Amino acid sequence: MEMVKDNYIVGVMVGLLMPFLGFLIFYEWRFNAFGINEFLDLLNRQKSILSAMISISLLINGVMLTIFFQKQKDKIAKGIFFTTCIYAVIAIACKWFL
């Protein structure tokens, strides 16, 4: 029996959760010396850091997308792709308008 069923909802959930893992990894990798409030204030002042953080998160979604396509879980991969597109629009909006 398969561990994960091939459906869009699972893909959307993976696509929504993986960027938060990316945010956490980015914070721990580059800014763990800052408290969370200081870090959020820094994100508010320097939008380039926010853009870099979103890019790392999109990269993680890209890795997950590739993994599920290789496992022939196309519906999950399509759900991940959908959320990745949403995150990409958010990243562009942050870059241009904030």
PDB file of N, CA and C in Angstrom:
ATOM      1  N   MET A   1       0.827  -1.178   0.000  1.00  0.00           N
ATOM      2  CA  MET A   1       0.000   0.000   0.000  1.00  0.00           C
ATOM      3  C   MET A   1       0.875   1.247   0.000  1.00  0.00           C
ATOM      4  N   GLU A   2       0.457   2.269  -0.726  1.00  0.00           N
ATOM      5  CA  GLU A   2       1.226   3.500  -0.829  1.00  0.00           C
ATOM      6  C   GLU A   2       1.131   4.312   0.455  1.00  0.00           C
ATOM      7  N   MET A   3       2.207   4.976   0.799  1.00  0.00           N
ATOM      8  CA  MET A   3       2.217   5.820   1.985  1.00  0.00           C
ATOM      9  C   MET A   3       1.425   7.103   1.754  1.00  0.00           C
ATOM     10  N   VAL A   4       1.580   7.698   0.575  1.00  0.00           N
ATOM     11  CA  VAL A   4       0.933   8.976   0.275  1.00  0.00           C
ATOM     12  C   VAL A   4       0.080   8.809  -0.967  1.00  0.00           C
ATOM     13  N   LYS A   5      -1.191   9.142  -0.846  1.00  0.00           N
ATOM     14  CA  LYS A   5      -2.067   9.080  -2.009  1.00  0.00           C
ATOM     15  C   LYS A   5      -1.778  10.262  -2.918  1.00  0.00           C
ATOM     16  N   ASP A   6      -1.949  10.032  -4.198  1.00  0.00           N
ATOM     17  CA  ASP A   6      -1.675  11.054  -5.206  1.00  0.00           C
ATOM     18  C   ASP A   6      -2.913  11.923  -5.376  1.00  0.00           C
ATOM     19  N   ASN A   7      -2.955  13.049  -4.634  1.00  0.00           N
ATOM     20  CA  ASN A   7      -4.051  13.983  -4.831  1.00  0.00           C
ATOM     21  C   ASN A   7      -3.579  15.418  -4.660  1.00  0.00           C
ATOM     22  N   TYR A   8      -4.385  16.332  -5.161  1.00  0.00           N
ATOM     23  CA  TYR A   8      -4.007  17.744  -5.186  1.00  0.00           C
ATOM     24  C   TYR A   8      -3.901  18.349  -3.790  1.00  0.00           C
ATOM     25  N   ILE A   9      -4.774  17.947  -2.890  1.00  0.00           N
ATOM     26  CA  ILE A   9      -4.787  18.520  -1.542  1.00  0.00           C
ATOM     27  C   ILE A   9      -3.468  18.251  -0.820  1.00  0.00           C
ATOM     28  N   VAL A  10      -2.955  17.044  -0.949  1.00  0.00           N
ATOM     29  CA  VAL A  10      -1.657  16.720  -0.337  1.00  0.00           C
ATOM     30  C   VAL A  10      -0.577  17.615  -0.936  1.00  0.00           C
ATOM     31  N   GLY A  11      -0.613  17.819  -2.231  1.00  0.00           N
ATOM     32  CA  GLY A  11       0.368  18.681  -2.891  1.00  0.00           C
ATOM     33  C   GLY A  11       0.285  20.116  -2.421  1.00  0.00           C
ATOM     34  N   VAL A  12      -0.929  20.618  -2.270  1.00  0.00           N
ATOM     35  CA  VAL A  12      -1.097  21.993  -1.789  1.00  0.00           C
ATOM     36  C   VAL A  12      -0.587  22.106  -0.359  1.00  0.00           C
ATOM     37  N   MET A  13      -0.873  21.115   0.468  1.00  0.00           N
ATOM     38  CA  MET A  13      -0.399  21.146   1.856  1.00  0.00           C
ATOM     39  C   MET A  13       1.130  21.105   1.920  1.00  0.00           C
ATOM     40  N   VAL A  14       1.734  20.231   1.119  1.00  0.00           N
ATOM     41  CA  VAL A  14       3.206  20.176   1.070  1.00  0.00           C
ATOM     42  C   VAL A  14       3.744  21.510   0.563  1.00  0.00           C
ATOM     43  N   GLY A  15       3.126  22.044  -0.473  1.00  0.00           N
ATOM     44  CA  GLY A  15       3.567  23.311  -1.046  1.00  0.00           C
ATOM     45  C   GLY A  15       3.418  24.484  -0.100  1.00  0.00           C
ATOM     46  N   LEU A  16       2.441  24.425   0.797  1.00  0.00           N
ATOM     47  CA  LEU A  16       2.264  25.489   1.779  1.00  0.00           C
ATOM     48  C   LEU A  16       3.210  25.335   2.971  1.00  0.00           C
ATOM     49  N   LEU A  17       3.506  24.109   3.362  1.00  0.00           N
ATOM     50  CA  LEU A  17       4.321  23.874   4.555  1.00  0.00           C
ATOM     51  C   LEU A  17       5.828  23.970   4.304  1.00  0.00           C
ATOM     52  N   MET A  18       6.283  23.554   3.149  1.00  0.00           N
ATOM     53  CA  MET A  18       7.725  23.550   2.877  1.00  0.00           C
ATOM     54  C   MET A  18       8.350  24.949   2.917  1.00  0.00           C
ATOM     55  N   PRO A  19       7.689  25.988   2.428  1.00  0.00           N
ATOM     56  CA  PRO A  19       8.298  27.312   2.556  1.00  0.00           C
ATOM     57  C   PRO A  19       8.518  27.746   4.004  1.00  0.00           C
ATOM     58  N   PHE A  20       7.648  27.317   4.912  1.00  0.00           N
ATOM     59  CA  PHE A  20       7.882  27.640   6.317  1.00  0.00           C
ATOM     60  C   PHE A  20       9.139  26.951   6.832  1.00  0.00           C
ATOM     61  N   LEU A  21       9.392  25.749   6.335  1.00  0.00           N
ATOM     62  CA  LEU A  21      10.642  25.070   6.656  1.00  0.00           C
ATOM     63  C   LEU A  21      11.812  25.877   6.086  1.00  0.00           C
ATOM     64  N   GLY A  22      11.645  26.402   4.888  1.00  0.00           N
ATOM     65  CA  GLY A  22      12.668  27.250   4.287  1.00  0.00           C
ATOM     66  C   GLY A  22      12.921  28.513   5.091  1.00  0.00           C
ATOM     67  N   PHE A  23      11.846  29.132   5.594  1.00  0.00           N
ATOM     68  CA  PHE A  23      11.995  30.316   6.444  1.00  0.00           C
ATOM     69  C   PHE A  23      12.806  29.971   7.686  1.00  0.00           C
ATOM     70  N   LEU A  24      12.477  28.834   8.293  1.00  0.00           N
ATOM     71  CA  LEU A  24      13.174  28.402   9.497  1.00  0.00           C
ATOM     72  C   LEU A  24      14.644  28.130   9.226  1.00  0.00           C
ATOM     73  N   ILE A  25      14.924  27.435   8.141  1.00  0.00           N
ATOM     74  CA  ILE A  25      16.308  27.133   7.770  1.00  0.00           C
ATOM     75  C   ILE A  25      17.082  28.419   7.521  1.00  0.00           C
ATOM     76  N   PHE A  26      16.480  29.352   6.802  1.00  0.00           N
ATOM     77  CA  PHE A  26      17.139  30.630   6.509  1.00  0.00           C
ATOM     78  C   PHE A  26      17.426  31.397   7.793  1.00  0.00           C
ATOM     79  N   TYR A  27      16.456  31.447   8.683  1.00  0.00           N
ATOM     80  CA  TYR A  27      16.644  32.136   9.962  1.00  0.00           C
ATOM     81  C   TYR A  27      17.777  31.505  10.760  1.00  0.00           C
ATOM     82  N   GLU A  28      17.758  30.174  10.874  1.00  0.00           N
ATOM     83  CA  GLU A  28      18.790  29.486  11.647  1.00  0.00           C
ATOM     84  C   GLU A  28      20.172  29.605  10.999  1.00  0.00           C
ATOM     85  N   TRP A  29      20.210  29.625   9.699  1.00  0.00           N
ATOM     86  CA  TRP A  29      21.472  29.670   8.964  1.00  0.00           C
ATOM     87  C   TRP A  29      22.130  31.045   9.051  1.00  0.00           C
ATOM     88  N   ARG A  30      21.331  32.101   8.877  1.00  0.00           N
ATOM     89  CA  ARG A  30      21.914  33.431   8.761  1.00  0.00           C
ATOM     90  C   ARG A  30      21.663  34.360   9.952  1.00  0.00           C
ATOM     91  N   PHE A  31      20.566  34.189  10.657  1.00  0.00           N
ATOM     92  CA  PHE A  31      20.165  35.193  11.633  1.00  0.00           C
ATOM     93  C   PHE A  31      19.824  34.625  13.004  1.00  0.00           C
ATOM     94  N   ASN A  32      20.396  33.495  13.370  1.00  0.00           N
ATOM     95  CA  ASN A  32      20.043  32.894  14.648  1.00  0.00           C
ATOM     96  C   ASN A  32      20.561  33.690  15.844  1.00  0.00           C
ATOM     97  N   ALA A  33      21.479  34.619  15.629  1.00  0.00           N
ATOM     98  CA  ALA A  33      21.974  35.466  16.713  1.00  0.00           C
ATOM     99  C   ALA A  33      20.937  36.514  17.122  1.00  0.00           C
ATOM    100  N   PHE A  34      19.977  36.789  16.230  1.00  0.00           N
ATOM    101  CA  PHE A  34      18.930  37.762  16.511  1.00  0.00           C
ATOM    102  C   PHE A  34      17.756  37.074  17.185  1.00  0.00           C
ATOM    103  N   GLY A  35      17.088  37.799  18.047  1.00  0.00           N
ATOM    104  CA  GLY A  35      15.811  37.325  18.572  1.00  0.00           C
ATOM    105  C   GLY A  35      14.767  37.435  17.467  1.00  0.00           C
ATOM    106  N   ILE A  36      13.632  36.783  17.652  1.00  0.00           N
ATOM    107  CA  ILE A  36      12.618  36.762  16.601  1.00  0.00           C
ATOM    108  C   ILE A  36      12.064  38.159  16.341  1.00  0.00           C
ATOM    109  N   ASN A  37      11.884  38.969  17.402  1.00  0.00           N
ATOM    110  CA  ASN A  37      11.381  40.330  17.197  1.00  0.00           C
ATOM    111  C   ASN A  37      12.384  41.197  16.449  1.00  0.00           C
ATOM    112  N   GLU A  38      13.665  41.057  16.791  1.00  0.00           N
ATOM    113  CA  GLU A  38      14.712  41.797  16.085  1.00  0.00           C
ATOM    114  C   GLU A  38      14.770  41.369  14.613  1.00  0.00           C
ATOM    115  N   PHE A  39      14.625  40.082  14.394  1.00  0.00           N
ATOM    116  CA  PHE A  39      14.670  39.556  13.032  1.00  0.00           C
ATOM    117  C   PHE A  39      13.498  40.087  12.205  1.00  0.00           C
ATOM    118  N   LEU A  40      12.301  40.084  12.773  1.00  0.00           N
ATOM    119  CA  LEU A  40      11.131  40.609  12.062  1.00  0.00           C
ATOM    120  C   LEU A  40      11.281  42.102  11.777  1.00  0.00           C
ATOM    121  N   ASP A  41      11.875  42.839  12.713  1.00  0.00           N
ATOM    122  CA  ASP A  41      12.138  44.261  12.481  1.00  0.00           C
ATOM    123  C   ASP A  41      13.156  44.445  11.349  1.00  0.00           C
ATOM    124  N   LEU A  42      14.169  43.597  11.326  1.00  0.00           N
ATOM    125  CA  LEU A  42      15.166  43.639  10.251  1.00  0.00           C
ATOM    126  C   LEU A  42      14.527  43.334   8.897  1.00  0.00           C
ATOM    127  N   LEU A  43      13.638  42.336   8.862  1.00  0.00           N
ATOM    128  CA  LEU A  43      12.918  42.026   7.618  1.00  0.00           C
ATOM    129  C   LEU A  43      12.092  43.220   7.145  1.00  0.00           C
ATOM    130  N   ASN A  44      11.511  43.935   8.090  1.00  0.00           N
ATOM    131  CA  ASN A  44      10.697  45.091   7.756  1.00  0.00           C
ATOM    132  C   ASN A  44      11.542  46.230   7.189  1.00  0.00           C
ATOM    133  N   ARG A  45      12.764  46.377   7.687  1.00  0.00           N
ATOM    134  CA  ARG A  45      13.639  47.456   7.222  1.00  0.00           C
ATOM    135  C   ARG A  45      14.396  47.112   5.945  1.00  0.00           C
ATOM    136  N   GLN A  46      14.774  45.845   5.772  1.00  0.00           N
ATOM    137  CA  GLN A  46      15.575  45.447   4.612  1.00  0.00           C
ATOM    138  C   GLN A  46      14.815  44.408   3.794  1.00  0.00           C
ATOM    139  N   LYS A  47      14.143  44.880   2.780  1.00  0.00           N
ATOM    140  CA  LYS A  47      13.287  44.003   1.964  1.00  0.00           C
ATOM    141  C   LYS A  47      14.099  42.984   1.165  1.00  0.00           C
ATOM    142  N   SER A  48      15.373  43.253   0.933  1.00  0.00           N
ATOM    143  CA  SER A  48      16.192  42.295   0.186  1.00  0.00           C
ATOM    144  C   SER A  48      16.344  40.990   0.967  1.00  0.00           C
ATOM    145  N   ILE A  49      16.352  41.077   2.292  1.00  0.00           N
ATOM    146  CA  ILE A  49      16.442  39.862   3.111  1.00  0.00           C
ATOM    147  C   ILE A  49      15.160  39.055   2.965  1.00  0.00           C
ATOM    148  N   LEU A  50      14.022  39.742   2.967  1.00  0.00           N
ATOM    149  CA  LEU A  50      12.742  39.061   2.776  1.00  0.00           C
ATOM    150  C   LEU A  50      12.695  38.373   1.417  1.00  0.00           C
ATOM    151  N   SER A  51      13.176  39.046   0.398  1.00  0.00           N
ATOM    152  CA  SER A  51      13.213  38.481  -0.945  1.00  0.00           C
ATOM    153  C   SER A  51      14.106  37.237  -0.992  1.00  0.00           C
ATOM    154  N   ALA A  52      15.257  37.294  -0.344  1.00  0.00           N
ATOM    155  CA  ALA A  52      16.166  36.142  -0.302  1.00  0.00           C
ATOM    156  C   ALA A  52      15.520  34.978   0.449  1.00  0.00           C
ATOM    157  N   MET A  53      14.819  35.282   1.524  1.00  0.00           N
ATOM    158  CA  MET A  53      14.159  34.244   2.317  1.00  0.00           C
ATOM    159  C   MET A  53      13.072  33.551   1.498  1.00  0.00           C
ATOM    160  N   ILE A  54      12.301  34.321   0.766  1.00  0.00           N
ATOM    161  CA  ILE A  54      11.249  33.738  -0.067  1.00  0.00           C
ATOM    162  C   ILE A  54      11.871  32.905  -1.183  1.00  0.00           C
ATOM    163  N   SER A  55      12.978  33.345  -1.730  1.00  0.00           N
ATOM    164  CA  SER A  55      13.659  32.589  -2.786  1.00  0.00           C
ATOM    165  C   SER A  55      14.134  31.223  -2.286  1.00  0.00           C
ATOM    166  N   ILE A  56      14.698  31.182  -1.089  1.00  0.00           N
ATOM    167  CA  ILE A  56      15.129  29.904  -0.503  1.00  0.00           C
ATOM    168  C   ILE A  56      13.927  28.984  -0.329  1.00  0.00           C
ATOM    169  N   SER A  57      12.828  29.544   0.113  1.00  0.00           N
ATOM    170  CA  SER A  57      11.614  28.750   0.322  1.00  0.00           C
ATOM    171  C   SER A  57      11.082  28.196  -0.990  1.00  0.00           C
ATOM    172  N   LEU A  58      11.131  28.993  -2.048  1.00  0.00           N
ATOM    173  CA  LEU A  58      10.689  28.526  -3.360  1.00  0.00           C
ATOM    174  C   LEU A  58      11.615  27.432  -3.885  1.00  0.00           C
ATOM    175  N   LEU A  59      12.877  27.533  -3.554  1.00  0.00           N
ATOM    176  CA  LEU A  59      13.828  26.502  -3.955  1.00  0.00           C
ATOM    177  C   LEU A  59      13.473  25.162  -3.302  1.00  0.00           C
ATOM    178  N   ILE A  60      13.098  25.191  -2.045  1.00  0.00           N
ATOM    179  CA  ILE A  60      12.689  23.959  -1.360  1.00  0.00           C
ATOM    180  C   ILE A  60      11.444  23.378  -2.028  1.00  0.00           C
ATOM    181  N   ASN A  61      10.491  24.236  -2.409  1.00  0.00           N
ATOM    182  CA  ASN A  61       9.320  23.742  -3.129  1.00  0.00           C
ATOM    183  C   ASN A  61       9.723  23.125  -4.465  1.00  0.00           C
ATOM    184  N   GLY A  62      10.706  23.703  -5.125  1.00  0.00           N
ATOM    185  CA  GLY A  62      11.191  23.149  -6.386  1.00  0.00           C
ATOM    186  C   GLY A  62      11.782  21.762  -6.204  1.00  0.00           C
ATOM    187  N   VAL A  63      12.501  21.566  -5.114  1.00  0.00           N
ATOM    188  CA  VAL A  63      13.065  20.244  -4.813  1.00  0.00           C
ATOM    189  C   VAL A  63      11.945  19.233  -4.571  1.00  0.00           C
ATOM    190  N   MET A  64      10.949  19.640  -3.791  1.00  0.00           N
ATOM    191  CA  MET A  64       9.822  18.739  -3.515  1.00  0.00           C
ATOM    192  C   MET A  64       9.054  18.429  -4.804  1.00  0.00           C
ATOM    193  N   LEU A  65       8.893  19.408  -5.640  1.00  0.00           N
ATOM    194  CA  LEU A  65       8.214  19.220  -6.925  1.00  0.00           C
ATOM    195  C   LEU A  65       8.939  18.163  -7.754  1.00  0.00           C
ATOM    196  N   THR A  66      10.245  18.269  -7.821  1.00  0.00           N
ATOM    197  CA  THR A  66      11.051  17.309  -8.572  1.00  0.00           C
ATOM    198  C   THR A  66      10.933  15.904  -7.986  1.00  0.00           C
ATOM    199  N   ILE A  67      10.983  15.807  -6.671  1.00  0.00           N
ATOM    200  CA  ILE A  67      10.887  14.500  -6.021  1.00  0.00           C
ATOM    201  C   ILE A  67       9.564  13.823  -6.360  1.00  0.00           C
ATOM    202  N   PHE A  68       8.465  14.568  -6.274  1.00  0.00           N
ATOM    203  CA  PHE A  68       7.162  13.953  -6.522  1.00  0.00           C
ATOM    204  C   PHE A  68       6.937  13.650  -8.006  1.00  0.00           C
ATOM    205  N   PHE A  69       7.509  14.455  -8.890  1.00  0.00           N
ATOM    206  CA  PHE A  69       7.424  14.102 -10.314  1.00  0.00           C
ATOM    207  C   PHE A  69       8.203  12.821 -10.593  1.00  0.00           C
ATOM    208  N   GLN A  70       9.364  12.664  -9.965  1.00  0.00           N
ATOM    209  CA  GLN A  70      10.154  11.441 -10.165  1.00  0.00           C
ATOM    210  C   GLN A  70       9.454  10.216  -9.601  1.00  0.00           C
ATOM    211  N   LYS A  71       8.677  10.387  -8.554  1.00  0.00           N
ATOM    212  CA  LYS A  71       7.911   9.276  -7.983  1.00  0.00           C
ATOM    213  C   LYS A  71       6.596   9.054  -8.714  1.00  0.00           C
ATOM    214  N   GLN A  72       6.380   9.829  -9.762  1.00  0.00           N
ATOM    215  CA  GLN A  72       5.169   9.768 -10.588  1.00  0.00           C
ATOM    216  C   GLN A  72       3.910  10.050  -9.776  1.00  0.00           C
ATOM    217  N   LYS A  73       4.018  10.985  -8.872  1.00  0.00           N
ATOM    218  CA  LYS A  73       2.881  11.488  -8.102  1.00  0.00           C
ATOM    219  C   LYS A  73       2.509  12.849  -8.710  1.00  0.00           C
ATOM    220  N   ASP A  74       1.928  12.798  -9.893  1.00  0.00           N
ATOM    221  CA  ASP A  74       1.694  14.007 -10.671  1.00  0.00           C
ATOM    222  C   ASP A  74       0.702  14.970 -10.027  1.00  0.00           C
ATOM    223  N   LYS A  75      -0.327  14.459  -9.380  1.00  0.00           N
ATOM    224  CA  LYS A  75      -1.301  15.358  -8.755  1.00  0.00           C
ATOM    225  C   LYS A  75      -0.685  16.098  -7.574  1.00  0.00           C
ATOM    226  N   ILE A  76       0.120  15.409  -6.787  1.00  0.00           N
ATOM    227  CA  ILE A  76       0.817  16.078  -5.683  1.00  0.00           C
ATOM    228  C   ILE A  76       1.752  17.139  -6.242  1.00  0.00           C
ATOM    229  N   ALA A  77       2.487  16.797  -7.285  1.00  0.00           N
ATOM    230  CA  ALA A  77       3.415  17.746  -7.897  1.00  0.00           C
ATOM    231  C   ALA A  77       2.671  18.965  -8.437  1.00  0.00           C
ATOM    232  N   LYS A  78       1.499  18.753  -9.019  1.00  0.00           N
ATOM    233  CA  LYS A  78       0.715  19.887  -9.526  1.00  0.00           C
ATOM    234  C   LYS A  78       0.235  20.775  -8.385  1.00  0.00           C
ATOM    235  N   GLY A  79      -0.127  20.206  -7.251  1.00  0.00           N
ATOM    236  CA  GLY A  79      -0.508  20.996  -6.080  1.00  0.00           C
ATOM    237  C   GLY A  79       0.653  21.825  -5.567  1.00  0.00           C
ATOM    238  N   ILE A  80       1.844  21.225  -5.543  1.00  0.00           N
ATOM    239  CA  ILE A  80       3.046  21.952  -5.126  1.00  0.00           C
ATOM    240  C   ILE A  80       3.335  23.076  -6.112  1.00  0.00           C
ATOM    241  N   PHE A  81       3.194  22.783  -7.406  1.00  0.00           N
ATOM    242  CA  PHE A  81       3.447  23.803  -8.420  1.00  0.00           C
ATOM    243  C   PHE A  81       2.483  24.977  -8.260  1.00  0.00           C
ATOM    244  N   PHE A  82       1.220  24.696  -7.980  1.00  0.00           N
ATOM    245  CA  PHE A  82       0.224  25.745  -7.784  1.00  0.00           C
ATOM    246  C   PHE A  82       0.630  26.672  -6.638  1.00  0.00           C
ATOM    247  N   THR A  83       0.994  26.094  -5.487  1.00  0.00           N
ATOM    248  CA  THR A  83       1.369  26.936  -4.351  1.00  0.00           C
ATOM    249  C   THR A  83       2.688  27.659  -4.603  1.00  0.00           C
ATOM    250  N   THR A  84       3.587  27.031  -5.348  1.00  0.00           N
ATOM    251  CA  THR A  84       4.842  27.696  -5.698  1.00  0.00           C
ATOM    252  C   THR A  84       4.575  28.929  -6.547  1.00  0.00           C
ATOM    253  N   CYS A  85       3.641  28.829  -7.460  1.00  0.00           N
ATOM    254  CA  CYS A  85       3.264  29.997  -8.277  1.00  0.00           C
ATOM    255  C   CYS A  85       2.701  31.120  -7.407  1.00  0.00           C
ATOM    256  N   ILE A  86       1.887  30.755  -6.422  1.00  0.00           N
ATOM    257  CA  ILE A  86       1.332  31.756  -5.503  1.00  0.00           C
ATOM    258  C   ILE A  86       2.460  32.433  -4.726  1.00  0.00           C
ATOM    259  N   TYR A  87       3.376  31.634  -4.197  1.00  0.00           N
ATOM    260  CA  TYR A  87       4.516  32.197  -3.467  1.00  0.00           C
ATOM    261  C   TYR A  87       5.380  33.074  -4.379  1.00  0.00           C
ATOM    262  N   ALA A  88       5.534  32.682  -5.629  1.00  0.00           N
ATOM    263  CA  ALA A  88       6.331  33.480  -6.560  1.00  0.00           C
ATOM    264  C   ALA A  88       5.693  34.847  -6.791  1.00  0.00           C
ATOM    265  N   VAL A  89       4.383  34.878  -6.916  1.00  0.00           N
ATOM    266  CA  VAL A  89       3.676  36.157  -7.077  1.00  0.00           C
ATOM    267  C   VAL A  89       3.873  37.018  -5.829  1.00  0.00           C
ATOM    268  N   ILE A  90       3.810  36.400  -4.660  1.00  0.00           N
ATOM    269  CA  ILE A  90       4.035  37.130  -3.411  1.00  0.00           C
ATOM    270  C   ILE A  90       5.463  37.676  -3.366  1.00  0.00           C
ATOM    271  N   ALA A  91       6.433  36.869  -3.791  1.00  0.00           N
ATOM    272  CA  ALA A  91       7.836  37.304  -3.804  1.00  0.00           C
ATOM    273  C   ALA A  91       8.024  38.499  -4.732  1.00  0.00           C
ATOM    274  N   ILE A  92       7.411  38.442  -5.894  1.00  0.00           N
ATOM    275  CA  ILE A  92       7.515  39.558  -6.837  1.00  0.00           C
ATOM    276  C   ILE A  92       6.848  40.810  -6.266  1.00  0.00           C
ATOM    277  N   ALA A  93       5.690  40.634  -5.646  1.00  0.00           N
ATOM    278  CA  ALA A  93       4.982  41.768  -5.041  1.00  0.00           C
ATOM    279  C   ALA A  93       5.824  42.394  -3.927  1.00  0.00           C
ATOM    280  N   CYS A  94       6.464  41.557  -3.125  1.00  0.00           N
ATOM    281  CA  CYS A  94       7.328  42.089  -2.059  1.00  0.00           C
ATOM    282  C   CYS A  94       8.499  42.875  -2.637  1.00  0.00           C
ATOM    283  N   LYS A  95       9.054  42.350  -3.691  1.00  0.00           N
ATOM    284  CA  LYS A  95      10.206  42.994  -4.319  1.00  0.00           C
ATOM    285  C   LYS A  95       9.822  44.341  -4.932  1.00  0.00           C
ATOM    286  N   TRP A  96       8.667  44.410  -5.593  1.00  0.00           N
ATOM    287  CA  TRP A  96       8.283  45.619  -6.301  1.00  0.00           C
ATOM    288  C   TRP A  96       7.566  46.650  -5.446  1.00  0.00           C
ATOM    289  N   PHE A  97       6.732  46.198  -4.532  1.00  0.00           N
ATOM    290  CA  PHE A  97       5.840  47.135  -3.863  1.00  0.00           C
ATOM    291  C   PHE A  97       6.180  47.424  -2.406  1.00  0.00           C
ATOM    292  N   LEU A  98       7.045  46.654  -1.793  1.00  0.00           N
ATOM    293  CA  LEU A  98       7.363  46.937  -0.378  1.00  0.00           C
ATOM    294  C   LEU A  98       8.655  47.709  -0.237  1.00  0.00           C
TER     295      LEU A  98
END
